[in-house]
Amino acid sequence: MKLTTIFCCTLLIVFGLGSCLWALTGIDVLRLVTSGNLPLYRALLSLAGIGALWLLFWLIAFRPTRSLR
């Protein structure tokens, strides 16, 4: 469970940095990594959605911010 959460956080951070680079310079790192292969490009983008859904579930189920009140 903890390993999955760390993996999803890392995945979303990498996708976020790639998006930031694309927004600032116009270089689409994900398209470069996939060599323009559209199905692979979409599959990697879907991993970002899965990672975000996992983290949403983790935040709701385990409430790690509960002790901050």
Protein backbone atom coordinates (compact mmCIF):
# COMPACT_ATOMS: atom_id res chain seq x y z
CA MET A 1 0.00 0.00 0.00
CA LYS A 2 2.76 2.42 0.93
CA LEU A 3 4.85 1.47 -2.09
CA THR A 4 1.89 2.04 -4.42
CA THR A 5 1.30 5.49 -2.92
CA ILE A 6 4.96 6.45 -3.28
CA PHE A 7 4.93 5.21 -6.90
CA CYS A 8 1.79 7.22 -7.71
CA CYS A 9 3.22 10.37 -6.08
CA THR A 10 6.44 9.99 -8.04
CA LEU A 11 4.52 9.42 -11.26
CA LEU A 12 2.41 12.53 -10.78
CA ILE A 13 5.46 14.64 -9.93
CA VAL A 14 7.22 13.48 -13.10
CA PHE A 15 4.14 14.18 -15.22
CA GLY A 16 3.78 17.59 -13.57
CA LEU A 17 7.40 18.50 -14.31
CA GLY A 18 6.97 17.36 -17.90
CA SER A 19 3.82 19.48 -18.22
CA CYS A 20 5.63 22.47 -16.78
CA LEU A 21 8.45 22.05 -19.28
CA TRP A 22 5.93 21.77 -22.11
CA ALA A 23 4.09 24.90 -20.97
CA LEU A 24 7.27 26.96 -20.60
CA THR A 25 9.29 25.81 -23.61
CA GLY A 26 6.92 23.98 -25.93
CA ILE A 27 8.96 20.76 -25.71
CA ASP A 28 6.62 17.81 -25.16
CA VAL A 29 8.84 15.38 -23.25
CA LEU A 30 6.21 12.63 -23.23
CA ARG A 31 5.88 12.76 -27.02
CA LEU A 32 9.67 12.58 -27.31
CA VAL A 33 9.80 9.57 -24.98
CA THR A 34 7.08 7.74 -26.92
CA SER A 35 8.56 8.74 -30.32
CA GLY A 36 5.18 10.01 -31.47
CA ASN A 37 3.41 6.67 -30.92
CA LEU A 38 -0.14 7.85 -30.18
CA PRO A 39 -1.47 4.69 -28.41
CA LEU A 40 1.59 4.60 -26.15
CA TYR A 41 1.27 8.35 -25.53
CA ARG A 42 -2.36 7.92 -24.44
CA ALA A 43 -1.49 4.89 -22.30
CA LEU A 44 1.14 6.88 -20.40
CA LEU A 45 -1.30 9.77 -19.96
CA SER A 46 -3.85 7.34 -18.53
CA LEU A 47 -1.28 6.36 -15.89
CA ALA A 48 -1.43 9.93 -14.59
CA GLY A 49 -5.19 9.60 -14.20
CA ILE A 50 -4.85 6.28 -12.39
CA GLY A 51 -2.21 7.77 -10.09
CA ALA A 52 -4.46 10.74 -9.30
CA LEU A 53 -7.43 8.47 -8.55
CA TRP A 54 -5.29 6.29 -6.27
CA LEU A 55 -4.07 9.31 -4.31
CA LEU A 56 -7.63 10.61 -4.00
CA PHE A 57 -8.71 7.23 -2.62
CA TRP A 58 -5.72 7.18 -0.26
CA LEU A 59 -6.50 10.66 1.07
CA ILE A 60 -10.15 9.79 1.67
CA ALA A 61 -9.58 6.32 3.14
CA PHE A 62 -6.61 6.99 5.40
CA ARG A 63 -6.98 10.72 6.15
CA PRO A 64 -3.30 11.51 6.68
CA THR A 65 -4.10 15.14 7.53
CA ARG A 66 -6.43 14.23 10.40
CA SER A 67 -3.78 14.93 13.03
CA LEU A 68 -3.16 18.46 11.70
CA ARG A 69 -6.34 19.84 13.30
